[in-house]
C-alpha atoms as a PDB file:
ATOM      1  CA  MET A   1      23.983  12.133   0.981  1.00  0.00           C
ATOM      2  CA  LYS A   2      21.656  10.023  -1.149  1.00  0.00           C
ATOM      3  CA  LEU A   3      18.005   9.386  -0.331  1.00  0.00           C
ATOM      4  CA  ARG A   4      15.065   7.803  -2.115  1.00  0.00           C
ATOM      5  CA  ILE A   5      11.751   9.623  -1.974  1.00  0.00           C
ATOM      6  CA  ARG A   6       8.207   8.404  -2.645  1.00  0.00           C
ATOM      7  CA  LEU A   7       5.879  11.310  -3.407  1.00  0.00           C
ATOM      8  CA  PRO A   8       2.068  11.255  -3.101  1.00  0.00           C
ATOM      9  CA  GLY A   9       0.357   9.570  -6.042  1.00  0.00           C
ATOM     10  CA  ASN A  10       3.543   7.900  -7.256  1.00  0.00           C
ATOM     11  CA  PRO A  11       4.455   4.471  -5.822  1.00  0.00           C
ATOM     12  CA  GLN A  12       7.922   4.618  -7.381  1.00  0.00           C
ATOM     13  CA  LEU A  13      10.916   5.809  -5.382  1.00  0.00           C
ATOM     14  CA  GLN A  14      12.943   8.602  -6.931  1.00  0.00           C
ATOM     15  CA  PRO A  15      16.550   9.417  -6.009  1.00  0.00           C
ATOM     16  CA  LEU A  16      17.437  12.687  -4.296  1.00  0.00           C
ATOM     17  CA  GLU A  17      20.998  13.756  -3.528  1.00  0.00           C
ATOM     18  CA  LEU A  18      21.798  16.324  -0.819  1.00  0.00           C
ATOM     19  CA  ASP A  19      24.879  18.047   0.515  1.00  0.00           C
ATOM     20  CA  ASP A  20      25.901  16.659   3.901  1.00  0.00           C
ATOM     21  CA  GLU A  21      25.263  19.998   5.600  1.00  0.00           C
ATOM     22  CA  THR A  22      21.759  20.512   4.143  1.00  0.00           C
ATOM     23  CA  GLN A  23      19.417  21.602   6.935  1.00  0.00           C
ATOM     24  CA  TRP A  24      16.076  19.891   7.524  1.00  0.00           C
ATOM     25  CA  SER A  25      14.207  23.139   6.788  1.00  0.00           C
ATOM     26  CA  VAL A  26      15.940  23.383   3.407  1.00  0.00           C
ATOM     27  CA  PHE A  27      15.144  19.742   2.730  1.00  0.00           C
ATOM     28  CA  LEU A  28      11.456  20.410   3.439  1.00  0.00           C
ATOM     29  CA  ALA A  29      11.537  23.311   0.988  1.00  0.00           C
ATOM     30  CA  MET A  30      12.918  20.944  -1.650  1.00  0.00           C
ATOM     31  CA  LEU A  31      10.137  18.462  -0.923  1.00  0.00           C
ATOM     32  CA  GLU A  32       7.591  21.274  -1.163  1.00  0.00           C
ATOM     33  CA  GLU A  33       8.802  22.029  -4.678  1.00  0.00           C
ATOM     34  CA  LEU A  34       8.770  18.363  -5.690  1.00  0.00           C
ATOM     35  CA  SER A  35       5.365  17.547  -4.207  1.00  0.00           C
ATOM     36  CA  SER A  36       3.525  20.894  -4.488  1.00  0.00           C
ATOM     37  CA  ILE A  37       2.587  20.473  -0.814  1.00  0.00           C
ATOM     38  CA  PRO A  38       3.342  23.428   1.511  1.00  0.00           C
ATOM     39  CA  SER A  39       6.239  22.598   3.814  1.00  0.00           C
ATOM     40  CA  SER A  40       4.016  23.359   6.807  1.00  0.00           C
ATOM     41  CA  SER A  41       1.760  20.481   5.727  1.00  0.00           C
ATOM     42  CA  LEU A  42       4.448  17.987   4.763  1.00  0.00           C
ATOM     43  CA  ARG A  43       4.669  14.709   6.631  1.00  0.00           C
ATOM     44  CA  VAL A  44       7.807  12.616   6.146  1.00  0.00           C
ATOM     45  CA  LEU A  45       7.935   8.955   7.132  1.00  0.00           C
ATOM     46  CA  SER A  46      10.944   6.688   7.460  1.00  0.00           C
ATOM     47  CA  GLY A  47      11.771   3.172   8.593  1.00  0.00           C
ATOM     48  CA  TYR A  48       9.869  -0.080   8.457  1.00  0.00           C
ATOM     49  CA  PRO A  49       7.053   0.022   9.201  1.00  0.00           C
ATOM     50  CA  PRO A  50       7.111   3.724   8.272  1.00  0.00           C
ATOM     51  CA  LYS A  51       6.970   6.209  11.151  1.00  0.00           C
ATOM     52  CA  ALA A  52       6.745   9.999  11.076  1.00  0.00           C
ATOM     53  CA  VAL A  53      10.068  11.857  11.206  1.00  0.00           C
ATOM     54  CA  GLU A  54       9.665  14.692  13.718  1.00  0.00           C
ATOM     55  CA  PRO A  55      13.010  16.406  14.470  1.00  0.00           C
ATOM     56  CA  ASP A  56      13.229  18.734  17.467  1.00  0.00           C
ATOM     57  CA  PHE A  57      14.911  21.518  15.490  1.00  0.00           C
ATOM     58  CA  ALA A  58      14.406  22.446  11.831  1.00  0.00           C
ATOM     59  CA  ASN A  59      17.984  23.714  11.539  1.00  0.00           C
ATOM     60  CA  LEU A  60      19.477  20.285  12.192  1.00  0.00           C
ATOM     61  CA  PRO A  61      21.305  18.761   9.226  1.00  0.00           C
ATOM     62  CA  VAL A  62      19.380  16.053   7.406  1.00  0.00           C
ATOM     63  CA  GLU A  63      22.182  13.566   8.064  1.00  0.00           C
ATOM     64  CA  ALA A  64      21.521  13.920  11.805  1.00  0.00           C
ATOM     65  CA  ILE A  65      17.883  12.913  11.316  1.00  0.00           C
ATOM     66  CA  VAL A  66      17.875  10.205   8.632  1.00  0.00           C
ATOM     67  CA  ARG A  67      20.592   7.944   7.273  1.00  0.00           C
ATOM     68  CA  ASP A  68      22.308   7.949   3.923  1.00  0.00           C
ATOM     69  CA  GLY A  69      20.433   5.593   1.593  1.00  0.00           C
ATOM     70  CA  ASP A  70      17.136   5.783   3.510  1.00  0.00           C
ATOM     71  CA  SER A  71      13.798   5.557   1.702  1.00  0.00           C
ATOM     72  CA  LEU A  72      11.364   8.286   2.762  1.00  0.00           C
ATOM     73  CA  ILE A  73       7.624   8.599   2.181  1.00  0.00           C
ATOM     74  CA  VAL A  74       6.193  12.091   1.696  1.00  0.00           C
ATOM     75  CA  GLN A  75       2.562  12.769   2.608  1.00  0.00           C
ATOM     76  CA  ARG A  76       0.273  15.731   3.133  1.00  0.00           C
ATOM     77  CA  GLY A  77       0.107  16.168   6.888  1.00  0.00           C
ATOM     78  CA  GLU A  78      -3.553  17.020   7.223  1.00  0.00           C
ATOM     79  CA  ALA A  79      -4.474  13.790   5.434  1.00  0.00           C
ATOM     80  CA  ALA A  80      -3.395  11.855   8.509  1.00  0.00           C
ATOM     81  CA  VAL A  81      -6.003  10.873  11.069  1.00  0.00           C
ATOM     82  CA  GLN A  82      -5.180  12.755  14.249  1.00  0.00           C
ATOM     83  CA  ARG A  83      -7.372  10.758  16.652  1.00  0.00           C
ATOM     84  CA  GLY A  84      -5.749   7.905  18.553  1.00  0.00           C
ATOM     85  CA  THR A  85      -2.954   6.106  16.743  1.00  0.00           C
ATOM     86  CA  SER A  86      -4.626   5.725  13.363  1.00  0.00           C
ATOM     87  CA  ARG A  87      -2.528   6.499  10.304  1.00  0.00           C
ATOM     88  CA  GLY A  88      -3.602   7.146   6.736  1.00  0.00           C
ATOM     89  CA  VAL A  89      -6.462   8.825   4.906  1.00  0.00           C
ATOM     90  CA  TYR A  90      -9.720   8.945   6.868  1.00  0.00           C
ATOM     91  CA  VAL A  91     -12.660   7.138   5.274  1.00  0.00           C
ATOM     92  CA  PRO A  92     -16.010   7.321   7.085  1.00  0.00           C
ATOM     93  CA  PRO A  93     -17.835   4.059   7.780  1.00  0.00           C
ATOM     94  CA  SER A  94     -19.783   2.863   4.750  1.00  0.00           C
ATOM     95  CA  SER A  95     -23.537   2.502   4.745  1.00  0.00           C
ATOM     96  CA  GLU A  96     -25.330  -0.762   4.032  1.00  0.00           C
ATOM     97  CA  ARG A  97     -26.118   0.543   0.570  1.00  0.00           C
ATOM     98  CA  GLY A  98     -24.216  -0.714  -2.411  1.00  0.00           C
ATOM     99  CA  PHE A  99     -23.222  -4.115  -3.699  1.00  0.00           C
ATOM    100  CA  PHE A 100     -19.905  -5.908  -3.691  1.00  0.00           C
ATOM    101  CA  VAL A 101     -18.519  -6.633  -7.130  1.00  0.00           C
ATOM    102  CA  ARG A 102     -15.466  -8.567  -8.257  1.00  0.00           C
ATOM    103  CA  ARG A 103     -13.040  -6.748 -10.549  1.00  0.00           C
ATOM    104  CA  VAL A 104     -11.113  -9.344 -12.525  1.00  0.00           C
ATOM    105  CA  CYS A 105      -7.405  -8.663 -12.993  1.00  0.00           C
ATOM    106  CA  PRO A 106      -5.167  -9.962 -15.803  1.00  0.00           C
ATOM    107  CA  ALA A 107      -3.858 -13.504 -15.292  1.00  0.00           C
ATOM    108  CA  ASP A 108      -0.302 -12.524 -16.210  1.00  0.00           C
ATOM    109  CA  ASN A 109       1.626 -13.575 -13.070  1.00  0.00           C
ATOM    110  CA  SER A 110       1.207 -10.029 -11.712  1.00  0.00           C
ATOM    111  CA  CYS A 111      -2.413 -10.391 -10.622  1.00  0.00           C
ATOM    112  CA  LEU A 112      -1.611  -9.710  -6.957  1.00  0.00           C
ATOM    113  CA  PHE A 113       0.013  -6.397  -7.848  1.00  0.00           C
ATOM    114  CA  HIS A 114      -2.846  -5.494 -10.222  1.00  0.00           C
ATOM    115  CA  ALA A 115      -5.433  -6.262  -7.530  1.00  0.00           C
ATOM    116  CA  VAL A 116      -3.663  -4.232  -4.849  1.00  0.00           C
ATOM    117  CA  ALA A 117      -3.147  -1.350  -7.290  1.00  0.00           C
ATOM    118  CA  TYR A 118      -6.875  -1.321  -8.003  1.00  0.00           C
ATOM    119  CA  VAL A 119      -7.852  -1.027  -4.341  1.00  0.00           C
ATOM    120  CA  THR A 120      -5.041   1.262  -3.150  1.00  0.00           C
ATOM    121  CA  GLN A 121      -4.246   3.419  -6.192  1.00  0.00           C
ATOM    122  CA  ASN A 122      -7.697   4.801  -6.985  1.00  0.00           C
ATOM    123  CA  LYS A 123      -8.824   1.892  -9.197  1.00  0.00           C
ATOM    124  CA  SER A 124      -5.657   1.935 -11.258  1.00  0.00           C
ATOM    125  CA  ARG A 125      -5.483  -0.643 -14.029  1.00  0.00           C
ATOM    126  CA  THR A 126      -1.856   0.177 -14.825  1.00  0.00           C
ATOM    127  CA  GLY A 127      -0.182   0.442 -11.409  1.00  0.00           C
ATOM    128  CA  GLY A 128       0.734  -3.220 -10.928  1.00  0.00           C
ATOM    129  CA  PRO A 129       4.303  -2.969 -12.292  1.00  0.00           C
ATOM    130  CA  GLN A 130       5.011   0.051 -10.075  1.00  0.00           C
ATOM    131  CA  LEU A 131       3.906  -1.880  -6.992  1.00  0.00           C
ATOM    132  CA  ARG A 132       6.123  -4.799  -7.993  1.00  0.00           C
ATOM    133  CA  GLN A 133       9.034  -2.347  -8.205  1.00  0.00           C
ATOM    134  CA  LEU A 134       8.029  -0.824  -4.871  1.00  0.00           C
ATOM    135  CA  CYS A 135       8.248  -4.236  -3.179  1.00  0.00           C
ATOM    136  CA  ALA A 136      11.704  -4.856  -4.624  1.00  0.00           C
ATOM    137  CA  ASP A 137      12.852  -1.410  -3.469  1.00  0.00           C
ATOM    138  CA  GLN A 138      11.608  -2.074   0.056  1.00  0.00           C
ATOM    139  CA  VAL A 139      13.389  -5.432   0.219  1.00  0.00           C
ATOM    140  CA  LEU A 140      16.667  -3.785  -0.762  1.00  0.00           C
ATOM    141  CA  SER A 141      16.221  -0.755   1.499  1.00  0.00           C
ATOM    142  CA  ASN A 142      15.725  -2.837   4.637  1.00  0.00           C
ATOM    143  CA  PRO A 143      17.779  -6.043   4.354  1.00  0.00           C
ATOM    144  CA  LYS A 144      17.915  -6.483   8.134  1.00  0.00           C
ATOM    145  CA  PHE A 145      14.150  -6.896   8.302  1.00  0.00           C
ATOM    146  CA  HIS A 146      13.855  -8.677   4.956  1.00  0.00           C
ATOM    147  CA  SER A 147      16.485 -11.207   5.888  1.00  0.00           C
ATOM    148  CA  ALA A 148      17.476 -14.418   4.156  1.00  0.00           C
ATOM    149  CA  VAL A 149      15.619 -16.273   6.914  1.00  0.00           C
ATOM    150  CA  LEU A 150      12.361 -14.515   5.992  1.00  0.00           C
ATOM    151  CA  LEU A 151      12.854 -14.554   2.227  1.00  0.00           C
ATOM    152  CA  GLY A 152      14.504 -17.938   1.810  1.00  0.00           C
ATOM    153  CA  MET A 153      17.396 -16.310  -0.057  1.00  0.00           C
ATOM    154  CA  GLU A 154      19.551 -13.197   0.144  1.00  0.00           C
ATOM    155  CA  PRO A 155      17.569  -9.927  -0.212  1.00  0.00           C
ATOM    156  CA  ILE A 156      19.421  -8.893  -3.384  1.00  0.00           C
ATOM    157  CA  GLN A 157      18.551 -12.236  -4.981  1.00  0.00           C
ATOM    158  CA  TYR A 158      14.934 -12.028  -3.872  1.00  0.00           C
ATOM    159  CA  ALA A 159      14.581  -8.476  -5.209  1.00  0.00           C
ATOM    160  CA  ALA A 160      15.984  -9.547  -8.582  1.00  0.00           C
ATOM    161  CA  LEU A 161      13.571 -12.482  -8.676  1.00  0.00           C
ATOM    162  CA  LEU A 162      10.688 -10.240  -7.660  1.00  0.00           C
ATOM    163  CA  LEU A 163      11.336  -7.972 -10.636  1.00  0.00           C
ATOM    164  CA  GLN A 164      10.879 -10.880 -13.031  1.00  0.00           C
ATOM    165  CA  PRO A 165       7.381 -10.568 -14.572  1.00  0.00           C
ATOM    166  CA  THR A 166       6.838 -14.311 -14.130  1.00  0.00           C
ATOM    167  CA  PHE A 167       7.315 -14.168 -10.337  1.00  0.00           C
ATOM    168  CA  TRP A 168       4.081 -14.478  -8.369  1.00  0.00           C
ATOM    169  CA  GLY A 169       3.553 -12.287  -5.350  1.00  0.00           C
ATOM    170  CA  GLY A 170       2.335 -13.669  -2.031  1.00  0.00           C
ATOM    171  CA  ALA A 171       2.162 -12.992   1.684  1.00  0.00           C
ATOM    172  CA  ILE A 172       5.543 -11.237   1.840  1.00  0.00           C
ATOM    173  CA  GLU A 173       4.533  -8.776  -0.878  1.00  0.00           C
ATOM    174  CA  LEU A 174       1.135  -8.160   0.732  1.00  0.00           C
ATOM    175  CA  MET A 175       2.880  -7.388   4.022  1.00  0.00           C
ATOM    176  CA  ILE A 176       5.281  -4.974   2.322  1.00  0.00           C
ATOM    177  CA  LEU A 177       2.530  -3.224   0.355  1.00  0.00           C
ATOM    178  CA  SER A 178       0.308  -2.850   3.406  1.00  0.00           C
ATOM    179  CA  ASP A 179       3.107  -1.340   5.492  1.00  0.00           C
ATOM    180  CA  THR A 180       4.429   0.936   2.764  1.00  0.00           C
ATOM    181  CA  LEU A 181       1.077   2.168   1.428  1.00  0.00           C
ATOM    182  CA  GLN A 182      -0.377   2.376   4.967  1.00  0.00           C
ATOM    183  CA  VAL A 183      -3.515   0.465   4.055  1.00  0.00           C
ATOM    184  CA  GLU A 184      -4.724  -2.720   5.702  1.00  0.00           C
ATOM    185  CA  ILE A 185      -5.128  -5.375   3.010  1.00  0.00           C
ATOM    186  CA  ILE A 186      -7.601  -8.186   3.611  1.00  0.00           C
ATOM    187  CA  THR A 187      -7.369 -11.288   1.439  1.00  0.00           C
ATOM    188  CA  LEU A 188     -10.372 -13.593   1.165  1.00  0.00           C
ATOM    189  CA  ASP A 189     -10.019 -17.122  -0.174  1.00  0.00           C
ATOM    190  CA  LEU A 190     -12.771 -17.824  -2.694  1.00  0.00           C
ATOM    191  CA  GLN A 191     -12.599 -21.543  -2.003  1.00  0.00           C
ATOM    192  CA  SER A 192     -12.902 -21.435   1.784  1.00  0.00           C
ATOM    193  CA  ALA A 193     -13.792 -17.784   2.578  1.00  0.00           C
ATOM    194  CA  ARG A 194     -10.773 -17.823   4.906  1.00  0.00           C
ATOM    195  CA  MET A 195      -9.598 -14.307   5.729  1.00  0.00           C
ATOM    196  CA  GLU A 196      -6.031 -13.068   6.175  1.00  0.00           C
ATOM    197  CA  ARG A 197      -5.298  -9.526   7.329  1.00  0.00           C
ATOM    198  CA  PHE A 198      -2.112  -7.637   6.535  1.00  0.00           C
ATOM    199  CA  GLY A 199      -1.467  -4.493   8.592  1.00  0.00           C
ATOM    200  CA  GLU A 200      -4.276  -5.185  11.057  1.00  0.00           C
ATOM    201  CA  ASP A 201      -2.188  -4.140  14.067  1.00  0.00           C
ATOM    202  CA  GLN A 202      -0.566  -1.058  12.511  1.00  0.00           C
ATOM    203  CA  GLY A 203      -3.290   1.476  13.332  1.00  0.00           C
ATOM    204  CA  PHE A 204      -4.149   2.224   9.696  1.00  0.00           C
ATOM    205  CA  SER A 205      -7.465   3.977   9.110  1.00  0.00           C
ATOM    206  CA  THR A 206      -8.360   2.356   5.775  1.00  0.00           C
ATOM    207  CA  LEU A 207      -8.615  -1.135   4.368  1.00  0.00           C
ATOM    208  CA  GLY A 208      -9.120  -2.752   0.988  1.00  0.00           C
ATOM    209  CA  PHE A 209     -10.071  -6.249  -0.145  1.00  0.00           C
ATOM    210  CA  VAL A 210      -8.553  -8.700  -2.607  1.00  0.00           C
ATOM    211  CA  VAL A 211      -9.799 -12.222  -3.303  1.00  0.00           C
ATOM    212  CA  TYR A 212      -7.769 -15.325  -4.047  1.00  0.00           C
ATOM    213  CA  THR A 213      -8.772 -18.492  -5.908  1.00  0.00           C
ATOM    214  CA  GLY A 214      -5.688 -20.508  -5.042  1.00  0.00           C
ATOM    215  CA  LYS A 215      -3.934 -19.432  -8.218  1.00  0.00           C
ATOM    216  CA  HIS A 216      -5.213 -15.934  -8.974  1.00  0.00           C
ATOM    217  CA  TYR A 217      -5.928 -12.597  -7.252  1.00  0.00           C
ATOM    218  CA  ASP A 218      -8.733 -10.164  -8.075  1.00  0.00           C
ATOM    219  CA  ALA A 219      -9.993  -6.990  -6.411  1.00  0.00           C
ATOM    220  CA  ILE A 220     -13.440  -6.517  -4.929  1.00  0.00           C
ATOM    221  CA  ALA A 221     -15.221  -3.216  -4.411  1.00  0.00           C
ATOM    222  CA  VAL A 222     -18.623  -1.794  -3.517  1.00  0.00           C
ATOM    223  CA  ASN A 223     -20.740  -0.217  -6.246  1.00  0.00           C
ATOM    224  CA  THR A 224     -24.070   1.570  -5.937  1.00  0.00           C
ATOM    225  CA  THR A 225     -25.531  -0.627  -8.709  1.00  0.00           C
ATOM    226  CA  TYR A 226     -25.754  -4.420  -8.590  1.00  0.00           C
ATOM    227  CA  ASN A 227     -23.145  -6.106 -10.806  1.00  0.00           C
ATOM    228  CA  SER A 228     -22.285  -2.741 -12.358  1.00  0.00           C
ATOM    229  CA  PRO A 229     -19.600  -2.646 -15.067  1.00  0.00           C
ATOM    230  CA  SER A 230     -18.894   1.013 -14.194  1.00  0.00           C
ATOM    231  CA  GLU A 231     -15.631   0.947 -12.256  1.00  0.00           C
ATOM    232  CA  SER A 232     -15.712   4.714 -11.809  1.00  0.00           C
ATOM    233  CA  GLN A 233     -18.486   4.257  -9.234  1.00  0.00           C
ATOM    234  CA  ASP A 234     -16.549   1.687  -7.185  1.00  0.00           C
ATOM    235  CA  GLN A 235     -15.629   2.316  -3.561  1.00  0.00           C
ATOM    236  CA  VAL A 236     -12.367   0.487  -2.926  1.00  0.00           C
ATOM    237  CA  LEU A 237     -11.246   1.756   0.503  1.00  0.00           C
ATOM    238  CA  PHE A 238     -13.168   1.362   3.751  1.00  0.00           C
ATOM    239  CA  ASN A 239     -12.854   2.363   7.385  1.00  0.00           C
ATOM    240  CA  THR A 240     -10.923  -0.235   9.401  1.00  0.00           C
ATOM    241  CA  ARG A 241     -13.400   0.140  12.261  1.00  0.00           C
ATOM    242  CA  ASP A 242     -16.312  -0.794  10.018  1.00  0.00           C
ATOM    243  CA  THR A 243     -16.850  -4.440  10.943  1.00  0.00           C
ATOM    244  CA  ARG A 244     -20.060  -4.534   8.918  1.00  0.00           C
ATOM    245  CA  VAL A 245     -18.250  -4.074   5.631  1.00  0.00           C
ATOM    246  CA  ILE A 246     -15.907  -6.944   6.503  1.00  0.00           C
ATOM    247  CA  ASP A 247     -18.892  -9.190   7.258  1.00  0.00           C
ATOM    248  CA  ARG A 248     -20.493  -8.169   3.965  1.00  0.00           C
ATOM    249  CA  ALA A 249     -17.296  -8.918   2.060  1.00  0.00           C
ATOM    250  CA  ILE A 250     -17.146 -12.394   3.597  1.00  0.00           C
ATOM    251  CA  ARG A 251     -20.781 -13.042   2.648  1.00  0.00           C
ATOM    252  CA  PHE A 252     -20.082 -11.889  -0.902  1.00  0.00           C
ATOM    253  CA  VAL A 253     -17.102 -14.210  -1.204  1.00  0.00           C
ATOM    254  CA  LYS A 254     -19.135 -17.165   0.050  1.00  0.00           C
ATOM    255  CA  GLU A 255     -21.808 -16.410  -2.543  1.00  0.00           C
ATOM    256  CA  GLU A 256     -19.164 -15.923  -5.226  1.00  0.00           C
ATOM    257  CA  ALA A 257     -17.604 -19.284  -4.382  1.00  0.00           C
ATOM    258  CA  LEU A 258     -20.927 -20.965  -5.116  1.00  0.00           C
ATOM    259  CA  SER A 259     -21.194 -19.389  -8.540  1.00  0.00           C
ATOM    260  CA  LYS A 260     -19.394 -20.308 -11.725  1.00  0.00           C
ATOM    261  CA  SER A 261     -17.643 -16.936 -11.641  1.00  0.00           C
ATOM    262  CA  ALA A 262     -15.319 -18.175  -8.901  1.00  0.00           C
ATOM    263  CA  SER A 263     -12.746 -19.023 -11.585  1.00  0.00           C
ATOM    264  CA  PRO A 264     -10.891 -16.162 -13.325  1.00  0.00           C
END
C-alpha cells in the first residue's frame, strides 16, 4: 500500500509504503517517528477538503481506513481548535495596534506562491516552489474534484503545466492552498480594493492576506512599527472572527492604491 504524507512544517508530500496488513496503531507509531509528535497527539487528515481520520478501532488495517494512493496530512492534535467547527491553529483576535505593511515578492511568475508562503509558512521567502509542487500534487491526488471541466484540461496536463516556473497561479491554486493548508486566504485587489475569500466557509480559525495588482501578488502583514523593514516582527496570520483586521486591511489597500507603491 502506497501513501503520500505531508508532515508539519513541510509542504511537500513524501511517499510512505506499508504492508497491506499494517494496523492503524502501527501506522501511527510510524508517523510518530517521522514527525516527532506523540501518537496520542497525532491528527491525520484525508480527502478534499481534508477531514480528520478517526477510525473506531486502532487495530483495523490501514487499508480499511484510507485508500491506496491517498495523500494524508499529519498535524499535532492539540493545535486544533476544539470549539465549534473551527479547524487549524488558534490565533487570538489582534489589537488595533500595529500597522499594515506590504511585503513585495519576486516578479518571477511565482509571485502568488511566494506571497502565500510568506503568510502561511512563517514568513518564508523560499517556500514558493514547494507550494507550487503542493498544488500539482493535490491536482493529481484528486482528479475527480479537479476535473477537466474545472481545469480546462486533463488533470495530468494541468499538473505538468503548473510545475512549469513560467505558469502563473490564480484562483484554482488559491483554493487548493487554502484547503490544504487549512488557512483562509483573502486576496485584495490594489486597483479596486475588491476582496475575494478562499476557504471562508471551511471553518478555519486563521486567515492571511495577499494583494493583487492585476499582474502581481504580494503579501501584507501587520508590524508594530510603521513601514518597518523588519520582517521578523510581522504578524501574518489572524483570527477569522476578527472583522476589524479585515476592515483595516481593506483601508490599507485603498491607501496603498493611491500611492505610487501600488506597482511592484
